[in-house]
Each structure stands twice: as C-alpha cells, then as structure tokens.
C-alpha cells in the first residue's frame, strides 16, 4: 500500500458516519506558563543571524510552501518539555523551530513514550526511510 492510498476501517455495529458537534463546552485545566516574548526573540535571532524559519526536524519551510501566507510563521517547541523541567529559566537555545506536524509528533504519546525531542524524532524519521 502506498501512502496515497486511503486505509478504510470497517464500521463497527451501531456506528454511523455522522455525529452532532459544535456545542460550547467549558473546560478547567492547568496550563504551563510560556513566554511569548522569548518565542518571538528566538524567531528574531534566527532571522537576524541570516537563517530561515524552517523545521529543525524535516526542514519544512512555511514560506516556500505557502508564499506570503506562510512568511514569518513557525512553531516554537521546548527541547525539554516544561512538564519535565518544571519551573525553569528558559534560554533561546532551549527552544526549537518546528513545523506543525513535527511539533505534534514530538508531543504524541506512542508505545509508552509520552514525548520525544526533535533529535529523537529526526532519528526516527531516518529509520523509517
């Protein structure tokens, strides 16, 4: 099967292909503090250093893919998650530039792993080639 083929999962008994959605719900959750100015400073430092805003794992570049719409956009990820480090002083070097897909994969729980570093994800991608 190629990656372009769609995997069809048979419906289970009683399942339908529609669901009611869109109600407003209230959630209460704890959220770890993050510094937007530090994120912006990371992006500025890369650009001022002559770099481009591309994913440090897969090299995806939003500007190349989306033109003006993608210019200046990239997600910023903590190399060591805040849920591991706890309250800490974060430096620019502690942050990685990631595309949305790689960012999600770094946070994805899979086979007992609750997170992975950008370097771990890069190694995993090389193994799958």
C-alpha atoms as a PDB file:
ATOM      1  CA  UNK A   1       0.000   0.000   0.000  1.00  0.00           C
ATOM      2  CA  UNK A   2       1.301   3.456  -0.839  1.00  0.00           C
ATOM      3  CA  UNK A   3       0.966   6.499   1.406  1.00  0.00           C
ATOM      4  CA  UNK A   4      -1.500   7.934  -1.122  1.00  0.00           C
ATOM      5  CA  UNK A   5      -3.944   5.058  -0.611  1.00  0.00           C
ATOM      6  CA  UNK A   6      -6.706   5.511   1.936  1.00  0.00           C
ATOM      7  CA  UNK A   7      -6.988   2.944   4.701  1.00  0.00           C
ATOM      8  CA  UNK A   8     -10.654   2.031   5.113  1.00  0.00           C
ATOM      9  CA  UNK A   9     -11.630   0.897   8.589  1.00  0.00           C
ATOM     10  CA  UNK A  10     -14.878  -1.056   8.606  1.00  0.00           C
ATOM     11  CA  UNK A  11     -17.683   0.474  10.666  1.00  0.00           C
ATOM     12  CA  UNK A  12     -18.496  -1.245  13.927  1.00  0.00           C
ATOM     13  CA  UNK A  13     -22.044  -2.334  14.647  1.00  0.00           C
ATOM     14  CA  UNK A  14     -24.153   0.652  15.676  1.00  0.00           C
ATOM     15  CA  UNK A  15     -21.725   3.255  14.272  1.00  0.00           C
ATOM     16  CA  UNK A  16     -22.839   5.959  11.872  1.00  0.00           C
ATOM     17  CA  UNK A  17     -20.883   8.280   9.633  1.00  0.00           C
ATOM     18  CA  UNK A  18     -22.199  11.412  11.357  1.00  0.00           C
ATOM     19  CA  UNK A  19     -22.042  12.960  14.830  1.00  0.00           C
ATOM     20  CA  UNK A  20     -23.552  16.062  16.399  1.00  0.00           C
ATOM     21  CA  UNK A  21     -20.823  18.650  17.134  1.00  0.00           C
ATOM     22  CA  UNK A  22     -20.406  22.339  17.831  1.00  0.00           C
ATOM     23  CA  UNK A  23     -21.857  22.770  21.334  1.00  0.00           C
ATOM     24  CA  UNK A  24     -19.993  25.213  23.575  1.00  0.00           C
ATOM     25  CA  UNK A  25     -18.315  23.447  26.495  1.00  0.00           C
ATOM     26  CA  UNK A  26     -16.431  24.850  29.458  1.00  0.00           C
ATOM     27  CA  UNK A  27     -13.089  23.311  30.475  1.00  0.00           C
ATOM     28  CA  UNK A  28     -10.987  23.934  33.543  1.00  0.00           C
ATOM     29  CA  UNK A  29      -7.363  22.929  33.139  1.00  0.00           C
ATOM     30  CA  UNK A  30      -3.901  23.764  34.368  1.00  0.00           C
ATOM     31  CA  UNK A  31      -1.676  25.329  31.735  1.00  0.00           C
ATOM     32  CA  UNK A  32       2.080  25.853  31.998  1.00  0.00           C
ATOM     33  CA  UNK A  33       3.233  29.453  31.637  1.00  0.00           C
ATOM     34  CA  UNK A  34       5.156  30.247  28.455  1.00  0.00           C
ATOM     35  CA  UNK A  35       6.905  33.443  27.400  1.00  0.00           C
ATOM     36  CA  UNK A  36       5.627  34.856  24.100  1.00  0.00           C
ATOM     37  CA  UNK A  37       8.467  37.440  24.060  1.00  0.00           C
ATOM     38  CA  UNK A  38      11.053  34.613  24.313  1.00  0.00           C
ATOM     39  CA  UNK A  39       9.366  32.788  21.421  1.00  0.00           C
ATOM     40  CA  UNK A  40       9.467  35.974  19.339  1.00  0.00           C
ATOM     41  CA  UNK A  41      13.100  36.536  20.345  1.00  0.00           C
ATOM     42  CA  UNK A  42      14.030  33.019  19.122  1.00  0.00           C
ATOM     43  CA  UNK A  43      12.488  33.719  15.713  1.00  0.00           C
ATOM     44  CA  UNK A  44      14.129  37.172  15.516  1.00  0.00           C
ATOM     45  CA  UNK A  45      17.543  35.704  16.453  1.00  0.00           C
ATOM     46  CA  UNK A  46      17.337  33.110  13.657  1.00  0.00           C
ATOM     47  CA  UNK A  47      16.341  35.707  11.072  1.00  0.00           C
ATOM     48  CA  UNK A  48      18.916  38.284  12.228  1.00  0.00           C
ATOM     49  CA  UNK A  49      21.572  35.561  12.072  1.00  0.00           C
ATOM     50  CA  UNK A  50      20.773  35.048   8.383  1.00  0.00           C
ATOM     51  CA  UNK A  51      18.824  31.825   8.946  1.00  0.00           C
ATOM     52  CA  UNK A  52      15.425  30.808   7.665  1.00  0.00           C
ATOM     53  CA  UNK A  53      12.357  29.719   9.577  1.00  0.00           C
ATOM     54  CA  UNK A  54      12.373  26.044   8.688  1.00  0.00           C
ATOM     55  CA  UNK A  55      11.585  22.963  10.740  1.00  0.00           C
ATOM     56  CA  UNK A  56      14.652  21.649  12.574  1.00  0.00           C
ATOM     57  CA  UNK A  57      13.394  18.073  12.098  1.00  0.00           C
ATOM     58  CA  UNK A  58      12.114  17.826   8.498  1.00  0.00           C
ATOM     59  CA  UNK A  59      13.278  21.181   7.022  1.00  0.00           C
ATOM     60  CA  UNK A  60       9.717  22.221   6.057  1.00  0.00           C
ATOM     61  CA  UNK A  61       9.564  25.949   5.272  1.00  0.00           C
ATOM     62  CA  UNK A  62       6.157  27.658   5.508  1.00  0.00           C
ATOM     63  CA  UNK A  63       7.226  30.496   3.196  1.00  0.00           C
ATOM     64  CA  UNK A  64       8.333  28.076   0.475  1.00  0.00           C
ATOM     65  CA  UNK A  65       5.103  26.076   0.770  1.00  0.00           C
ATOM     66  CA  UNK A  66       2.569  28.877   1.291  1.00  0.00           C
ATOM     67  CA  UNK A  67       4.237  32.007  -0.025  1.00  0.00           C
ATOM     68  CA  UNK A  68       3.268  35.251   1.682  1.00  0.00           C
ATOM     69  CA  UNK A  69       0.718  33.483   3.908  1.00  0.00           C
ATOM     70  CA  UNK A  70       3.479  31.362   5.456  1.00  0.00           C
ATOM     71  CA  UNK A  71       6.081  34.127   5.721  1.00  0.00           C
ATOM     72  CA  UNK A  72       7.350  34.539   9.270  1.00  0.00           C
ATOM     73  CA  UNK A  73       5.430  31.519  10.603  1.00  0.00           C
ATOM     74  CA  UNK A  74       6.938  28.604  12.531  1.00  0.00           C
ATOM     75  CA  UNK A  75       6.068  26.856  15.781  1.00  0.00           C
ATOM     76  CA  UNK A  76       8.461  27.047  18.725  1.00  0.00           C
ATOM     77  CA  UNK A  77       8.987  23.992  20.931  1.00  0.00           C
ATOM     78  CA  UNK A  78      10.829  23.457  24.223  1.00  0.00           C
ATOM     79  CA  UNK A  79      13.610  20.902  23.679  1.00  0.00           C
ATOM     80  CA  UNK A  80      12.987  19.680  27.227  1.00  0.00           C
ATOM     81  CA  UNK A  81       9.254  19.862  27.952  1.00  0.00           C
ATOM     82  CA  UNK A  82       8.161  22.088  30.806  1.00  0.00           C
ATOM     83  CA  UNK A  83       6.277  19.188  32.387  1.00  0.00           C
ATOM     84  CA  UNK A  84       9.691  17.514  32.837  1.00  0.00           C
ATOM     85  CA  UNK A  85      11.781  20.577  33.780  1.00  0.00           C
ATOM     86  CA  UNK A  86       9.139  22.270  35.900  1.00  0.00           C
ATOM     87  CA  UNK A  87       9.594  25.949  36.638  1.00  0.00           C
ATOM     88  CA  UNK A  88      12.861  26.921  34.952  1.00  0.00           C
ATOM     89  CA  UNK A  89      14.700  29.751  33.262  1.00  0.00           C
ATOM     90  CA  UNK A  90      14.359  29.073  29.537  1.00  0.00           C
ATOM     91  CA  UNK A  91      17.012  30.343  27.124  1.00  0.00           C
ATOM     92  CA  UNK A  92      16.707  30.786  23.357  1.00  0.00           C
ATOM     93  CA  UNK A  93      18.947  27.739  22.854  1.00  0.00           C
ATOM     94  CA  UNK A  94      16.372  25.668  24.792  1.00  0.00           C
ATOM     95  CA  UNK A  95      13.819  26.278  22.016  1.00  0.00           C
ATOM     96  CA  UNK A  96      13.497  24.531  18.648  1.00  0.00           C
ATOM     97  CA  UNK A  97      11.719  25.667  15.483  1.00  0.00           C
ATOM     98  CA  UNK A  98       9.270  23.009  14.272  1.00  0.00           C
ATOM     99  CA  UNK A  99       6.559  22.654  11.652  1.00  0.00           C
ATOM    100  CA  UNK A 100       3.105  21.805  12.973  1.00  0.00           C
ATOM    101  CA  UNK A 101       3.393  18.110  12.051  1.00  0.00           C
ATOM    102  CA  UNK A 102       6.760  17.558  13.730  1.00  0.00           C
ATOM    103  CA  UNK A 103       5.627  19.574  16.759  1.00  0.00           C
ATOM    104  CA  UNK A 104       2.609  17.284  17.116  1.00  0.00           C
ATOM    105  CA  UNK A 105       4.760  14.157  16.718  1.00  0.00           C
ATOM    106  CA  UNK A 106       7.145  15.361  19.444  1.00  0.00           C
ATOM    107  CA  UNK A 107       4.165  15.561  21.816  1.00  0.00           C
ATOM    108  CA  UNK A 108       2.388  12.390  20.643  1.00  0.00           C
ATOM    109  CA  UNK A 109       2.070   9.567  23.149  1.00  0.00           C
ATOM    110  CA  UNK A 110       3.001   6.320  21.416  1.00  0.00           C
ATOM    111  CA  UNK A 111       4.097   2.909  22.670  1.00  0.00           C
ATOM    112  CA  UNK A 112       4.743   4.162  26.184  1.00  0.00           C
ATOM    113  CA  UNK A 113       6.607   7.311  25.113  1.00  0.00           C
ATOM    114  CA  UNK A 114       4.872  10.484  26.262  1.00  0.00           C
ATOM    115  CA  UNK A 115       7.165  12.883  24.362  1.00  0.00           C
ATOM    116  CA  UNK A 116      10.321  12.934  22.252  1.00  0.00           C
ATOM    117  CA  UNK A 117      12.943  15.556  21.496  1.00  0.00           C
ATOM    118  CA  UNK A 118      13.360  16.999  17.995  1.00  0.00           C
ATOM    119  CA  UNK A 119      16.616  14.993  17.724  1.00  0.00           C
ATOM    120  CA  UNK A 120      14.764  11.778  18.689  1.00  0.00           C
ATOM    121  CA  UNK A 121      12.105  12.479  16.072  1.00  0.00           C
ATOM    122  CA  UNK A 122      14.737  13.220  13.402  1.00  0.00           C
ATOM    123  CA  UNK A 123      16.432   9.846  14.132  1.00  0.00           C
ATOM    124  CA  UNK A 124      13.073   8.069  13.996  1.00  0.00           C
ATOM    125  CA  UNK A 125      12.277   9.659  10.626  1.00  0.00           C
ATOM    126  CA  UNK A 126      15.628   8.498   9.202  1.00  0.00           C
ATOM    127  CA  UNK A 127      14.922   4.921  10.335  1.00  0.00           C
ATOM    128  CA  UNK A 128      11.589   4.896   8.512  1.00  0.00           C
ATOM    129  CA  UNK A 129      13.122   5.831   5.101  1.00  0.00           C
END
